[in-house]
N, C-alpha and C. Protein backbone atom coordinates (compact mmCIF):
# COMPACT_ATOMS: atom_id res chain seq x y z
N MET A 1 63.12 117.59 109.38
CA MET A 1 62.16 116.51 109.50
C MET A 1 60.97 116.81 108.59
N ASP A 2 60.55 115.83 107.83
CA ASP A 2 59.41 116.08 106.96
C ASP A 2 58.11 115.93 107.76
N LYS A 3 57.08 116.66 107.32
CA LYS A 3 55.86 116.76 108.11
C LYS A 3 55.18 115.43 108.34
N SER A 4 55.39 114.45 107.50
CA SER A 4 54.75 113.15 107.68
C SER A 4 55.30 112.42 108.92
N GLN A 5 56.45 112.87 109.41
CA GLN A 5 57.04 112.23 110.58
C GLN A 5 56.69 112.94 111.88
N ILE A 6 56.01 114.06 111.82
CA ILE A 6 55.66 114.80 113.03
C ILE A 6 54.49 114.12 113.70
N PHE A 7 54.66 113.82 114.99
CA PHE A 7 53.58 113.17 115.74
C PHE A 7 52.53 114.20 116.10
N ILE A 8 51.30 113.94 115.72
CA ILE A 8 50.20 114.83 116.04
C ILE A 8 49.30 114.11 117.03
N PRO A 9 49.19 114.65 118.26
CA PRO A 9 48.38 113.97 119.26
C PRO A 9 46.89 114.06 118.94
N THR A 10 46.18 113.08 119.41
CA THR A 10 44.72 113.12 119.35
C THR A 10 44.23 113.04 120.78
N LYS A 11 42.97 113.32 120.99
CA LYS A 11 42.43 113.23 122.35
C LYS A 11 42.54 111.81 122.89
N LYS A 12 42.79 110.86 122.00
CA LYS A 12 42.97 109.47 122.46
C LYS A 12 44.39 109.25 122.97
N THR A 13 45.29 110.17 122.68
CA THR A 13 46.66 110.05 123.15
C THR A 13 46.67 110.50 124.60
N LYS A 14 46.92 109.54 125.50
CA LYS A 14 46.75 109.78 126.93
C LYS A 14 48.10 109.80 127.64
N VAL A 15 48.24 110.79 128.52
CA VAL A 15 49.45 110.93 129.33
C VAL A 15 49.04 110.84 130.80
N CYS A 16 49.76 110.04 131.56
CA CYS A 16 49.53 109.94 133.00
C CYS A 16 50.62 110.71 133.73
N ILE A 17 50.22 111.61 134.60
CA ILE A 17 51.16 112.37 135.43
C ILE A 17 51.09 111.79 136.84
N VAL A 18 52.22 111.30 137.33
CA VAL A 18 52.28 110.79 138.71
C VAL A 18 53.17 111.76 139.47
N GLU A 19 52.52 112.64 140.24
CA GLU A 19 53.21 113.78 140.86
C GLU A 19 52.47 114.16 142.15
N ASP A 20 53.19 114.23 143.27
CA ASP A 20 52.54 114.54 144.55
C ASP A 20 52.33 116.04 144.77
N ASP A 21 53.00 116.89 144.02
CA ASP A 21 52.80 118.33 144.15
C ASP A 21 51.66 118.73 143.22
N ALA A 22 50.51 119.06 143.82
CA ALA A 22 49.30 119.34 143.04
C ALA A 22 49.50 120.49 142.06
N MET A 23 50.23 121.50 142.46
CA MET A 23 50.43 122.65 141.57
C MET A 23 51.25 122.24 140.34
N ILE A 24 52.31 121.48 140.54
CA ILE A 24 53.13 121.02 139.41
C ILE A 24 52.30 120.13 138.50
N ALA A 25 51.55 119.20 139.09
CA ALA A 25 50.71 118.30 138.29
C ALA A 25 49.71 119.11 137.46
N GLU A 26 49.13 120.13 138.06
CA GLU A 26 48.15 120.96 137.35
C GLU A 26 48.81 121.73 136.20
N ILE A 27 50.01 122.24 136.43
CA ILE A 27 50.73 122.98 135.38
C ILE A 27 51.07 122.05 134.21
N TYR A 28 51.57 120.84 134.52
CA TYR A 28 51.88 119.87 133.46
C TYR A 28 50.60 119.50 132.71
N ALA A 29 49.52 119.23 133.46
CA ALA A 29 48.26 118.82 132.84
C ALA A 29 47.75 119.90 131.89
N LYS A 30 47.80 121.16 132.31
CA LYS A 30 47.33 122.26 131.47
C LYS A 30 48.16 122.34 130.18
N ALA A 31 49.49 122.25 130.32
CA ALA A 31 50.35 122.32 129.14
C ALA A 31 50.06 121.16 128.19
N LEU A 32 49.88 119.97 128.73
CA LEU A 32 49.62 118.79 127.90
C LEU A 32 48.24 118.87 127.24
N GLU A 33 47.24 119.30 127.99
CA GLU A 33 45.90 119.44 127.41
C GLU A 33 45.90 120.49 126.31
N ASP A 34 46.61 121.60 126.54
CA ASP A 34 46.74 122.64 125.51
C ASP A 34 47.46 122.09 124.28
N GLY A 35 48.34 121.10 124.50
CA GLY A 35 49.06 120.47 123.40
C GLY A 35 48.28 119.38 122.70
N GLY A 36 47.05 119.12 123.16
CA GLY A 36 46.19 118.16 122.48
C GLY A 36 46.12 116.78 123.11
N TYR A 37 46.66 116.61 124.30
CA TYR A 37 46.67 115.30 124.95
C TYR A 37 45.56 115.18 125.98
N ALA A 38 45.09 113.96 126.18
CA ALA A 38 44.20 113.65 127.29
C ALA A 38 45.10 113.35 128.48
N VAL A 39 44.72 113.80 129.67
CA VAL A 39 45.57 113.64 130.84
C VAL A 39 44.82 112.95 131.97
N VAL A 40 45.51 111.99 132.60
CA VAL A 40 45.05 111.40 133.85
C VAL A 40 46.17 111.63 134.85
N ALA A 41 45.83 111.67 136.13
CA ALA A 41 46.85 111.99 137.12
C ALA A 41 46.70 111.16 138.38
N ALA A 42 47.79 111.06 139.11
CA ALA A 42 47.82 110.37 140.39
C ALA A 42 48.74 111.15 141.32
N LYS A 43 48.43 111.14 142.61
CA LYS A 43 49.17 111.97 143.56
C LYS A 43 50.28 111.25 144.31
N ASP A 44 50.44 109.95 144.08
CA ASP A 44 51.54 109.20 144.68
C ASP A 44 51.78 107.94 143.87
N GLY A 45 52.85 107.23 144.19
CA GLY A 45 53.22 106.06 143.41
C GLY A 45 52.20 104.94 143.46
N GLU A 46 51.61 104.75 144.62
CA GLU A 46 50.60 103.69 144.78
C GLU A 46 49.39 103.96 143.88
N GLU A 47 48.89 105.20 143.95
CA GLU A 47 47.76 105.59 143.11
C GLU A 47 48.18 105.57 141.63
N GLY A 48 49.41 105.96 141.37
CA GLY A 48 49.93 105.96 140.01
C GLY A 48 49.89 104.57 139.39
N LEU A 49 50.28 103.57 140.16
CA LEU A 49 50.25 102.19 139.67
C LEU A 49 48.82 101.79 139.30
N ALA A 50 47.87 102.12 140.17
CA ALA A 50 46.46 101.78 139.92
C ALA A 50 45.93 102.51 138.68
N VAL A 51 46.23 103.81 138.57
CA VAL A 51 45.75 104.60 137.44
C VAL A 51 46.37 104.09 136.13
N ILE A 52 47.66 103.80 136.14
CA ILE A 52 48.32 103.32 134.92
C ILE A 52 47.77 101.95 134.52
N LYS A 53 47.53 101.07 135.48
CA LYS A 53 46.94 99.76 135.16
C LYS A 53 45.56 99.92 134.53
N LYS A 54 44.77 100.84 135.07
CA LYS A 54 43.40 101.03 134.59
C LYS A 54 43.36 101.78 133.25
N GLU A 55 44.11 102.87 133.15
CA GLU A 55 44.01 103.78 131.99
C GLU A 55 44.92 103.41 130.82
N LYS A 56 46.01 102.69 131.09
CA LYS A 56 46.99 102.31 130.06
C LYS A 56 47.36 103.51 129.18
N PRO A 57 47.99 104.53 129.78
CA PRO A 57 48.35 105.73 129.01
C PRO A 57 49.41 105.43 127.97
N ASP A 58 49.56 106.35 127.03
CA ASP A 58 50.57 106.23 125.99
C ASP A 58 51.96 106.61 126.51
N VAL A 59 51.99 107.47 127.54
CA VAL A 59 53.23 107.91 128.19
C VAL A 59 52.91 108.17 129.66
N ALA A 60 53.90 107.92 130.54
CA ALA A 60 53.75 108.28 131.95
C ALA A 60 54.88 109.23 132.33
N ILE A 61 54.52 110.28 133.06
CA ILE A 61 55.49 111.21 133.61
C ILE A 61 55.52 110.94 135.11
N VAL A 62 56.69 110.56 135.63
CA VAL A 62 56.77 110.08 137.00
C VAL A 62 57.78 110.90 137.81
N ASP A 63 57.32 111.40 138.95
CA ASP A 63 58.20 112.04 139.93
C ASP A 63 58.88 110.92 140.71
N LEU A 64 60.00 111.20 141.34
CA LEU A 64 60.68 110.16 142.11
C LEU A 64 60.37 110.21 143.60
N ILE A 65 60.24 111.41 144.15
CA ILE A 65 60.02 111.55 145.58
C ILE A 65 58.52 111.76 145.82
N MET A 66 57.87 110.68 146.30
CA MET A 66 56.43 110.74 146.53
C MET A 66 56.08 109.90 147.76
N PRO A 67 54.95 110.19 148.37
CA PRO A 67 54.50 109.37 149.51
C PRO A 67 53.97 108.01 149.04
N LYS A 68 53.85 107.11 149.96
CA LYS A 68 53.30 105.75 149.78
C LYS A 68 54.17 104.84 148.93
N MET A 69 54.63 105.32 147.78
CA MET A 69 55.52 104.53 146.92
C MET A 69 56.33 105.53 146.09
N ASP A 70 57.65 105.41 146.15
CA ASP A 70 58.48 106.34 145.38
C ASP A 70 58.46 105.98 143.90
N GLY A 71 58.94 106.91 143.09
CA GLY A 71 58.91 106.74 141.64
C GLY A 71 59.76 105.59 141.13
N ILE A 72 60.90 105.34 141.75
CA ILE A 72 61.76 104.24 141.30
C ILE A 72 61.06 102.91 141.51
N THR A 73 60.41 102.73 142.66
CA THR A 73 59.65 101.50 142.91
C THR A 73 58.52 101.36 141.90
N LEU A 74 57.82 102.45 141.63
CA LEU A 74 56.73 102.44 140.65
C LEU A 74 57.25 102.02 139.28
N ILE A 75 58.34 102.62 138.84
CA ILE A 75 58.89 102.30 137.53
C ILE A 75 59.28 100.82 137.45
N LYS A 76 59.90 100.31 138.50
CA LYS A 76 60.30 98.90 138.53
C LYS A 76 59.08 97.98 138.42
N LEU A 77 58.01 98.32 139.15
CA LEU A 77 56.78 97.51 139.09
C LEU A 77 56.16 97.56 137.69
N LEU A 78 56.15 98.72 137.09
CA LEU A 78 55.60 98.85 135.74
C LEU A 78 56.41 98.00 134.76
N GLN A 79 57.72 98.03 134.91
CA GLN A 79 58.58 97.32 133.97
C GLN A 79 58.58 95.81 134.18
N GLN A 80 58.04 95.35 135.30
CA GLN A 80 57.92 93.91 135.55
C GLN A 80 56.63 93.35 134.96
N ASP A 81 55.73 94.23 134.55
CA ASP A 81 54.44 93.82 133.99
C ASP A 81 54.55 93.87 132.47
N GLY A 82 54.38 92.74 131.81
CA GLY A 82 54.57 92.65 130.36
C GLY A 82 53.86 93.73 129.57
N GLU A 83 52.60 93.99 129.87
CA GLU A 83 51.83 94.99 129.13
C GLU A 83 52.22 96.41 129.51
N LEU A 84 52.38 96.68 130.80
CA LEU A 84 52.69 98.03 131.27
C LEU A 84 54.14 98.42 130.97
N ALA A 85 55.00 97.45 130.79
CA ALA A 85 56.42 97.73 130.50
C ALA A 85 56.58 98.45 129.16
N LYS A 86 55.57 98.37 128.30
CA LYS A 86 55.63 99.03 126.99
C LYS A 86 55.38 100.53 127.07
N ILE A 87 54.85 101.00 128.20
CA ILE A 87 54.53 102.42 128.35
C ILE A 87 55.82 103.20 128.59
N PRO A 88 56.16 104.14 127.71
CA PRO A 88 57.37 104.92 127.92
C PRO A 88 57.23 105.83 129.14
N ILE A 89 58.33 105.98 129.86
CA ILE A 89 58.32 106.77 131.09
C ILE A 89 59.30 107.93 130.99
N ILE A 90 58.79 109.10 131.37
CA ILE A 90 59.62 110.29 131.50
C ILE A 90 59.71 110.58 133.00
N VAL A 91 60.91 110.70 133.51
CA VAL A 91 61.10 111.05 134.91
C VAL A 91 61.23 112.57 135.00
N ALA A 92 60.44 113.18 135.88
CA ALA A 92 60.53 114.62 136.15
C ALA A 92 60.69 114.77 137.66
N THR A 93 61.87 115.20 138.09
CA THR A 93 62.19 115.18 139.51
C THR A 93 63.10 116.33 139.91
N ASN A 94 63.21 116.54 141.20
CA ASN A 94 64.19 117.49 141.72
C ASN A 94 65.46 116.78 142.18
N ARG A 95 65.45 115.46 142.15
CA ARG A 95 66.65 114.70 142.55
C ARG A 95 67.68 114.79 141.44
N ASN A 96 68.89 115.15 141.81
CA ASN A 96 69.94 115.25 140.79
C ASN A 96 71.26 114.66 141.28
N ASP A 97 71.19 113.78 142.28
CA ASP A 97 72.41 113.16 142.76
C ASP A 97 72.82 112.01 141.82
N GLU A 98 74.09 111.78 141.73
CA GLU A 98 74.64 110.80 140.78
C GLU A 98 74.07 109.40 140.99
N LYS A 99 73.91 108.98 142.24
CA LYS A 99 73.39 107.64 142.54
C LYS A 99 71.98 107.46 141.96
N THR A 100 71.13 108.44 142.15
CA THR A 100 69.76 108.37 141.63
C THR A 100 69.76 108.37 140.10
N ILE A 101 70.55 109.24 139.51
CA ILE A 101 70.61 109.33 138.05
C ILE A 101 71.06 107.98 137.47
N GLN A 102 72.06 107.36 138.09
CA GLN A 102 72.54 106.06 137.61
C GLN A 102 71.48 104.98 137.79
N GLU A 103 70.80 105.00 138.94
CA GLU A 103 69.76 103.99 139.19
C GLU A 103 68.62 104.11 138.18
N VAL A 104 68.18 105.33 137.93
CA VAL A 104 67.11 105.55 136.95
C VAL A 104 67.60 105.19 135.55
N GLY A 105 68.86 105.46 135.26
CA GLY A 105 69.43 105.13 133.96
C GLY A 105 69.34 103.64 133.62
N LYS A 106 69.34 102.80 134.62
CA LYS A 106 69.23 101.35 134.42
C LYS A 106 67.80 100.91 134.15
N LEU A 107 66.85 101.82 134.31
CA LEU A 107 65.43 101.46 134.23
C LEU A 107 64.79 101.70 132.86
N LYS A 108 65.56 102.04 131.87
CA LYS A 108 65.05 102.22 130.51
C LYS A 108 63.98 103.31 130.42
N THR A 109 64.16 104.39 131.16
CA THR A 109 63.24 105.52 131.02
C THR A 109 63.67 106.32 129.79
N LYS A 110 62.79 107.15 129.28
CA LYS A 110 63.06 107.89 128.04
C LYS A 110 63.77 109.22 128.29
N PHE A 111 63.40 109.94 129.33
CA PHE A 111 64.03 111.20 129.68
C PHE A 111 64.16 111.28 131.20
N TYR A 112 65.20 111.97 131.65
CA TYR A 112 65.38 112.28 133.07
C TYR A 112 65.44 113.80 133.13
N LEU A 113 64.35 114.41 133.56
CA LEU A 113 64.24 115.86 133.56
C LEU A 113 64.33 116.39 134.98
N GLU A 114 65.22 117.33 135.19
CA GLU A 114 65.32 117.98 136.48
C GLU A 114 64.37 119.18 136.46
N LYS A 115 63.36 119.16 137.33
CA LYS A 115 62.30 120.16 137.29
C LYS A 115 62.81 121.59 137.27
N ALA A 116 63.87 121.86 138.00
CA ALA A 116 64.39 123.23 138.08
C ALA A 116 65.00 123.69 136.76
N LEU A 117 65.28 122.76 135.86
CA LEU A 117 65.99 123.10 134.63
C LEU A 117 65.13 123.13 133.37
N PHE A 118 63.83 122.89 133.50
CA PHE A 118 62.98 122.98 132.31
C PHE A 118 61.67 123.65 132.67
N GLU A 119 61.05 124.22 131.67
CA GLU A 119 59.76 124.87 131.86
C GLU A 119 58.65 123.86 131.59
N PRO A 120 57.52 123.99 132.28
CA PRO A 120 56.43 123.03 132.08
C PRO A 120 56.01 122.86 130.63
N LYS A 121 56.05 123.94 129.84
CA LYS A 121 55.66 123.81 128.43
C LYS A 121 56.60 122.85 127.69
N ASP A 122 57.82 122.71 128.19
CA ASP A 122 58.77 121.79 127.55
C ASP A 122 58.35 120.33 127.68
N ILE A 123 57.52 120.04 128.67
CA ILE A 123 57.08 118.65 128.89
C ILE A 123 56.32 118.15 127.66
N VAL A 124 55.60 119.05 127.01
CA VAL A 124 54.84 118.67 125.81
C VAL A 124 55.79 118.21 124.71
N GLN A 125 56.87 118.93 124.52
CA GLN A 125 57.84 118.56 123.49
C GLN A 125 58.49 117.21 123.81
N HIS A 126 58.79 116.97 125.08
CA HIS A 126 59.39 115.69 125.47
C HIS A 126 58.41 114.53 125.23
N VAL A 127 57.16 114.74 125.57
CA VAL A 127 56.14 113.70 125.33
C VAL A 127 56.01 113.45 123.83
N ARG A 128 55.94 114.51 123.05
CA ARG A 128 55.82 114.38 121.60
C ARG A 128 57.01 113.60 121.03
N GLU A 129 58.20 113.92 121.50
CA GLU A 129 59.41 113.24 121.02
C GLU A 129 59.39 111.74 121.37
N VAL A 130 58.98 111.42 122.57
CA VAL A 130 58.88 110.01 122.97
C VAL A 130 57.89 109.27 122.08
N LEU A 131 56.75 109.88 121.83
CA LEU A 131 55.72 109.23 121.00
C LEU A 131 56.17 109.11 119.54
N GLN A 132 56.88 110.11 119.04
CA GLN A 132 57.41 110.03 117.66
C GLN A 132 58.38 108.86 117.56
N ASN A 133 59.23 108.72 118.55
CA ASN A 133 60.22 107.61 118.53
C ASN A 133 59.54 106.25 118.65
N GLN A 134 58.43 106.19 119.39
CA GLN A 134 57.68 104.93 119.52
C GLN A 134 57.04 104.56 118.18
N ALA A 135 56.51 105.60 117.49
CA ALA A 135 55.82 105.37 116.22
C ALA A 135 56.79 105.06 115.08
N GLY A 136 57.99 105.64 115.18
CA GLY A 136 58.93 105.52 114.09
C GLY A 136 59.82 104.35 114.29
């Protein structure tokens, strides 16, 4: 890949983390901030919807199992909104059953990451890849 195609984040490049586990959210936020991204966060799907509507991030990282509103419901609501539907979504979850994977697959998300199988620093690379594909 030639260097002109490499996505370089700016502090204006905003990522929203919707994750009910505070420690995981903090680890993702630290990795993303170290990678040059601005981060906003929400602790459940309901708050996530409000934060995403207000902040309009460039990418959203969404857990599936959360209180108040699960991630699948959140993703469906985002995709029903003309403006918010443009925000690429990365799913980061511990759910790995076939039914869930198939359901999420129908939702046009960019990545389905099983938390146990990737390191938090990898989230930065996934975000960068999503943004490069959006730009290119």
